[in-house]
């Protein structure tokens, strides 16, 4: 059995108490501070990436569906009308601002009417995603936009327009 000395035991307890008083409560403060410093940027990144992914999916879906609509329409007028209806529908579904969506339609081979029998319709949809919480001061909101572009190609039937 170890021997104890009341004088040295009291001094050791006093030293431990002094060390504990200086460190008391700092772990909780450090945890909160480091947690906030790490958590806020991670949450912002998740929100920003979610917005970018949503717009990317919408842009890709718009290009694909518009190309299909153009290739299956029975006339050029119906194709244009259907393309704009599909674009409005996709923009509403994915929360895209229709004013910022740019649609371009081209046909290959070059020089043929678009759409025309046997041609390949190439649809390109462009938009930009504004990053969250960027203030509209000094044009920061315009500089903090991520451009997104999607293209889709669809072959038009050789019998298009004869039906």
C-alpha atoms as a PDB file:
ATOM      1  CA  UNK A   1       0.000   0.000   0.000  1.00  0.00           C
ATOM      2  CA  UNK A   2       1.466   3.338  -1.051  1.00  0.00           C
ATOM      3  CA  UNK A   3       2.142   5.863   1.573  1.00  0.00           C
ATOM      4  CA  UNK A   4       0.605   9.245   1.304  1.00  0.00           C
ATOM      5  CA  UNK A   5       1.920  12.497   2.571  1.00  0.00           C
ATOM      6  CA  UNK A   6      -0.812  15.010   3.402  1.00  0.00           C
ATOM      7  CA  UNK A   7       1.461  17.958   2.582  1.00  0.00           C
ATOM      8  CA  UNK A   8       2.419  16.825  -0.912  1.00  0.00           C
ATOM      9  CA  UNK A   9      -1.081  15.548  -1.742  1.00  0.00           C
ATOM     10  CA  UNK A  10      -2.614  18.948  -0.973  1.00  0.00           C
ATOM     11  CA  UNK A  11      -0.013  20.748  -3.110  1.00  0.00           C
ATOM     12  CA  UNK A  12      -0.629  18.407  -6.051  1.00  0.00           C
ATOM     13  CA  UNK A  13      -4.384  18.912  -5.752  1.00  0.00           C
ATOM     14  CA  UNK A  14      -3.904  22.701  -5.719  1.00  0.00           C
ATOM     15  CA  UNK A  15      -1.732  22.541  -8.882  1.00  0.00           C
ATOM     16  CA  UNK A  16      -4.350  20.388 -10.670  1.00  0.00           C
ATOM     17  CA  UNK A  17      -7.089  22.810  -9.643  1.00  0.00           C
ATOM     18  CA  UNK A  18      -5.108  25.783 -11.000  1.00  0.00           C
ATOM     19  CA  UNK A  19      -4.583  24.040 -14.338  1.00  0.00           C
ATOM     20  CA  UNK A  20      -8.230  23.015 -14.546  1.00  0.00           C
ATOM     21  CA  UNK A  21      -9.490  26.551 -13.824  1.00  0.00           C
ATOM     22  CA  UNK A  22      -7.456  28.000 -16.714  1.00  0.00           C
ATOM     23  CA  UNK A  23      -8.773  25.393 -19.178  1.00  0.00           C
ATOM     24  CA  UNK A  24     -12.331  25.202 -17.902  1.00  0.00           C
ATOM     25  CA  UNK A  25     -14.900  25.940 -20.630  1.00  0.00           C
ATOM     26  CA  UNK A  26     -12.424  26.412 -23.482  1.00  0.00           C
ATOM     27  CA  UNK A  27     -13.270  23.094 -25.171  1.00  0.00           C
ATOM     28  CA  UNK A  28     -16.893  24.102 -25.641  1.00  0.00           C
ATOM     29  CA  UNK A  29     -15.861  27.495 -27.008  1.00  0.00           C
ATOM     30  CA  UNK A  30     -13.358  25.931 -29.401  1.00  0.00           C
ATOM     31  CA  UNK A  31     -15.934  23.401 -30.572  1.00  0.00           C
ATOM     32  CA  UNK A  32     -18.520  26.099 -31.288  1.00  0.00           C
ATOM     33  CA  UNK A  33     -16.015  28.359 -33.049  1.00  0.00           C
ATOM     34  CA  UNK A  34     -14.476  25.643 -35.209  1.00  0.00           C
ATOM     35  CA  UNK A  35     -17.901  24.168 -35.877  1.00  0.00           C
ATOM     36  CA  UNK A  36     -19.206  27.480 -37.206  1.00  0.00           C
ATOM     37  CA  UNK A  37     -16.088  28.188 -39.233  1.00  0.00           C
ATOM     38  CA  UNK A  38     -16.389  24.794 -40.928  1.00  0.00           C
ATOM     39  CA  UNK A  39     -20.157  24.412 -41.030  1.00  0.00           C
ATOM     40  CA  UNK A  40     -21.128  27.697 -42.689  1.00  0.00           C
ATOM     41  CA  UNK A  41     -18.941  27.236 -45.812  1.00  0.00           C
ATOM     42  CA  UNK A  42     -20.012  23.597 -46.151  1.00  0.00           C
ATOM     43  CA  UNK A  43     -23.704  24.537 -46.009  1.00  0.00           C
ATOM     44  CA  UNK A  44     -23.123  27.326 -48.552  1.00  0.00           C
ATOM     45  CA  UNK A  45     -21.304  24.894 -50.853  1.00  0.00           C
ATOM     46  CA  UNK A  46     -24.135  22.363 -50.613  1.00  0.00           C
ATOM     47  CA  UNK A  47     -26.759  25.007 -51.431  1.00  0.00           C
ATOM     48  CA  UNK A  48     -24.737  26.433 -54.341  1.00  0.00           C
ATOM     49  CA  UNK A  49     -24.006  23.008 -55.827  1.00  0.00           C
ATOM     50  CA  UNK A  50     -27.665  22.069 -55.488  1.00  0.00           C
ATOM     51  CA  UNK A  51     -28.713  25.148 -57.435  1.00  0.00           C
ATOM     52  CA  UNK A  52     -26.118  24.490 -60.133  1.00  0.00           C
ATOM     53  CA  UNK A  53     -27.144  20.834 -60.423  1.00  0.00           C
ATOM     54  CA  UNK A  54     -30.819  21.732 -60.703  1.00  0.00           C
ATOM     55  CA  UNK A  55     -30.158  24.254 -63.477  1.00  0.00           C
ATOM     56  CA  UNK A  56     -27.856  21.794 -65.252  1.00  0.00           C
ATOM     57  CA  UNK A  57     -30.533  19.094 -65.234  1.00  0.00           C
ATOM     58  CA  UNK A  58     -33.121  21.585 -66.472  1.00  0.00           C
ATOM     59  CA  UNK A  59     -30.885  22.829 -69.265  1.00  0.00           C
ATOM     60  CA  UNK A  60     -30.099  19.297 -70.418  1.00  0.00           C
ATOM     61  CA  UNK A  61     -33.753  18.235 -70.248  1.00  0.00           C
ATOM     62  CA  UNK A  62     -34.807  21.312 -72.189  1.00  0.00           C
ATOM     63  CA  UNK A  63     -32.319  20.704 -74.998  1.00  0.00           C
ATOM     64  CA  UNK A  64     -33.235  17.009 -75.245  1.00  0.00           C
ATOM     65  CA  UNK A  65     -37.016  17.515 -75.215  1.00  0.00           C
ATOM     66  CA  UNK A  66     -36.956  20.442 -77.623  1.00  0.00           C
ATOM     67  CA  UNK A  67     -34.835  18.446 -80.101  1.00  0.00           C
ATOM     68  CA  UNK A  68     -37.321  15.564 -79.921  1.00  0.00           C
ATOM     69  CA  UNK A  69     -40.268  17.917 -80.335  1.00  0.00           C
ATOM     70  CA  UNK A  70     -38.734  19.609 -83.371  1.00  0.00           C
ATOM     71  CA  UNK A  71     -37.944  16.312 -85.066  1.00  0.00           C
ATOM     72  CA  UNK A  72     -41.454  14.929 -84.521  1.00  0.00           C
ATOM     73  CA  UNK A  73     -43.477  18.013 -85.470  1.00  0.00           C
ATOM     74  CA  UNK A  74     -45.514  17.909 -88.665  1.00  0.00           C
ATOM     75  CA  UNK A  75     -44.647  21.435 -89.849  1.00  0.00           C
ATOM     76  CA  UNK A  76     -42.108  24.172 -89.221  1.00  0.00           C
ATOM     77  CA  UNK A  77     -44.724  26.410 -87.557  1.00  0.00           C
ATOM     78  CA  UNK A  78     -45.822  23.634 -85.228  1.00  0.00           C
ATOM     79  CA  UNK A  79     -42.174  22.856 -84.460  1.00  0.00           C
ATOM     80  CA  UNK A  80     -41.441  26.458 -83.374  1.00  0.00           C
ATOM     81  CA  UNK A  81     -44.615  26.717 -81.310  1.00  0.00           C
ATOM     82  CA  UNK A  82     -43.972  23.356 -79.636  1.00  0.00           C
ATOM     83  CA  UNK A  83     -40.332  24.246 -78.921  1.00  0.00           C
ATOM     84  CA  UNK A  84     -41.343  27.389 -77.030  1.00  0.00           C
ATOM     85  CA  UNK A  85     -44.031  25.521 -75.085  1.00  0.00           C
ATOM     86  CA  UNK A  86     -41.526  22.845 -74.079  1.00  0.00           C
ATOM     87  CA  UNK A  87     -38.994  25.485 -73.052  1.00  0.00           C
ATOM     88  CA  UNK A  88     -41.574  27.248 -70.854  1.00  0.00           C
ATOM     89  CA  UNK A  89     -42.592  23.939 -69.296  1.00  0.00           C
ATOM     90  CA  UNK A  90     -39.027  22.867 -68.525  1.00  0.00           C
ATOM     91  CA  UNK A  91     -38.136  26.309 -67.165  1.00  0.00           C
ATOM     92  CA  UNK A  92     -41.104  26.165 -64.811  1.00  0.00           C
ATOM     93  CA  UNK A  93     -40.356  22.598 -63.735  1.00  0.00           C
ATOM     94  CA  UNK A  94     -36.714  23.273 -62.845  1.00  0.00           C
ATOM     95  CA  UNK A  95     -37.151  26.791 -61.464  1.00  0.00           C
ATOM     96  CA  UNK A  96     -35.239  28.479 -64.273  1.00  0.00           C
ATOM     97  CA  UNK A  97     -35.816  32.124 -65.117  1.00  0.00           C
ATOM     98  CA  UNK A  98     -37.211  32.094 -68.695  1.00  0.00           C
ATOM     99  CA  UNK A  99     -35.664  35.526 -69.340  1.00  0.00           C
ATOM    100  CA  UNK A 100     -32.152  34.143 -68.805  1.00  0.00           C
ATOM    101  CA  UNK A 101     -32.602  31.046 -70.978  1.00  0.00           C
ATOM    102  CA  UNK A 102     -31.172  31.314 -74.483  1.00  0.00           C
ATOM    103  CA  UNK A 103     -32.336  28.829 -77.116  1.00  0.00           C
ATOM    104  CA  UNK A 104     -30.594  28.273 -80.440  1.00  0.00           C
ATOM    105  CA  UNK A 105     -31.678  25.808 -83.104  1.00  0.00           C
ATOM    106  CA  UNK A 106     -29.543  24.731 -86.049  1.00  0.00           C
ATOM    107  CA  UNK A 107     -29.688  21.960 -88.611  1.00  0.00           C
ATOM    108  CA  UNK A 108     -26.977  19.871 -90.179  1.00  0.00           C
ATOM    109  CA  UNK A 109     -25.991  19.756 -92.958  1.00  0.00           C
ATOM    110  CA  UNK A 110     -25.535  23.499 -93.113  1.00  0.00           C
ATOM    111  CA  UNK A 111     -27.749  25.441 -95.481  1.00  0.00           C
ATOM    112  CA  UNK A 112     -30.887  23.292 -95.200  1.00  0.00           C
ATOM    113  CA  UNK A 113     -34.136  24.611 -93.803  1.00  0.00           C
ATOM    114  CA  UNK A 114     -34.634  23.831 -90.163  1.00  0.00           C
ATOM    115  CA  UNK A 115     -36.292  21.432 -89.537  1.00  0.00           C
ATOM    116  CA  UNK A 116     -36.357  19.553 -92.815  1.00  0.00           C
ATOM    117  CA  UNK A 117     -36.622  15.937 -93.886  1.00  0.00           C
ATOM    118  CA  UNK A 118     -33.431  13.949 -93.254  1.00  0.00           C
ATOM    119  CA  UNK A 119     -31.657  16.790 -91.416  1.00  0.00           C
ATOM    120  CA  UNK A 120     -30.214  16.586 -87.924  1.00  0.00           C
ATOM    121  CA  UNK A 121     -31.648  19.159 -85.537  1.00  0.00           C
ATOM    122  CA  UNK A 122     -29.126  20.519 -83.032  1.00  0.00           C
ATOM    123  CA  UNK A 123     -30.633  22.386 -80.091  1.00  0.00           C
ATOM    124  CA  UNK A 124     -28.473  24.387 -77.680  1.00  0.00           C
ATOM    125  CA  UNK A 125     -29.855  25.799 -74.437  1.00  0.00           C
ATOM    126  CA  UNK A 126     -27.814  28.283 -72.397  1.00  0.00           C
ATOM    127  CA  UNK A 127     -28.482  29.821 -69.017  1.00  0.00           C
ATOM    128  CA  UNK A 128     -26.589  31.066 -65.967  1.00  0.00           C
ATOM    129  CA  UNK A 129     -26.971  30.322 -62.271  1.00  0.00           C
ATOM    130  CA  UNK A 130     -26.656  33.146 -59.774  1.00  0.00           C
ATOM    131  CA  UNK A 131     -24.799  32.082 -56.656  1.00  0.00           C
ATOM    132  CA  UNK A 132     -26.807  32.506 -53.453  1.00  0.00           C
ATOM    133  CA  UNK A 133     -26.304  35.428 -51.073  1.00  0.00           C
ATOM    134  CA  UNK A 134     -24.254  37.506 -53.528  1.00  0.00           C
ATOM    135  CA  UNK A 135     -25.411  41.129 -53.231  1.00  0.00           C
ATOM    136  CA  UNK A 136     -26.257  43.210 -56.318  1.00  0.00           C
ATOM    137  CA  UNK A 137     -23.628  45.777 -55.399  1.00  0.00           C
ATOM    138  CA  UNK A 138     -21.103  46.896 -58.029  1.00  0.00           C
ATOM    139  CA  UNK A 139     -22.273  44.130 -60.348  1.00  0.00           C
ATOM    140  CA  UNK A 140     -21.134  41.337 -58.036  1.00  0.00           C
ATOM    141  CA  UNK A 141     -24.293  39.368 -58.743  1.00  0.00           C
ATOM    142  CA  UNK A 142     -23.490  39.392 -62.475  1.00  0.00           C
ATOM    143  CA  UNK A 143     -19.870  38.344 -61.924  1.00  0.00           C
ATOM    144  CA  UNK A 144     -20.919  35.517 -59.600  1.00  0.00           C
ATOM    145  CA  UNK A 145     -22.965  33.671 -62.212  1.00  0.00           C
ATOM    146  CA  UNK A 146     -22.087  30.182 -63.414  1.00  0.00           C
ATOM    147  CA  UNK A 147     -22.790  29.676 -67.146  1.00  0.00           C
ATOM    148  CA  UNK A 148     -24.488  26.420 -68.117  1.00  0.00           C
ATOM    149  CA  UNK A 149     -24.930  25.059 -71.627  1.00  0.00           C
ATOM    150  CA  UNK A 150     -26.474  21.853 -72.956  1.00  0.00           C
ATOM    151  CA  UNK A 151     -26.872  20.602 -76.513  1.00  0.00           C
ATOM    152  CA  UNK A 152     -28.895  17.789 -78.011  1.00  0.00           C
ATOM    153  CA  UNK A 153     -29.126  16.422 -81.539  1.00  0.00           C
ATOM    154  CA  UNK A 154     -32.033  14.531 -83.077  1.00  0.00           C
ATOM    155  CA  UNK A 155     -32.387  13.112 -86.561  1.00  0.00           C
ATOM    156  CA  UNK A 156     -35.509  14.207 -88.454  1.00  0.00           C
ATOM    157  CA  UNK A 157     -37.346  11.505 -90.369  1.00  0.00           C
ATOM    158  CA  UNK A 158     -36.864  11.425 -94.137  1.00  0.00           C
ATOM    159  CA  UNK A 159     -40.615  11.499 -94.503  1.00  0.00           C
ATOM    160  CA  UNK A 160     -40.991  14.641 -92.357  1.00  0.00           C
ATOM    161  CA  UNK A 161     -43.487  17.113 -93.742  1.00  0.00           C
ATOM    162  CA  UNK A 162     -45.189  14.590 -96.027  1.00  0.00           C
ATOM    163  CA  UNK A 163     -47.576  13.262 -93.389  1.00  0.00           C
END
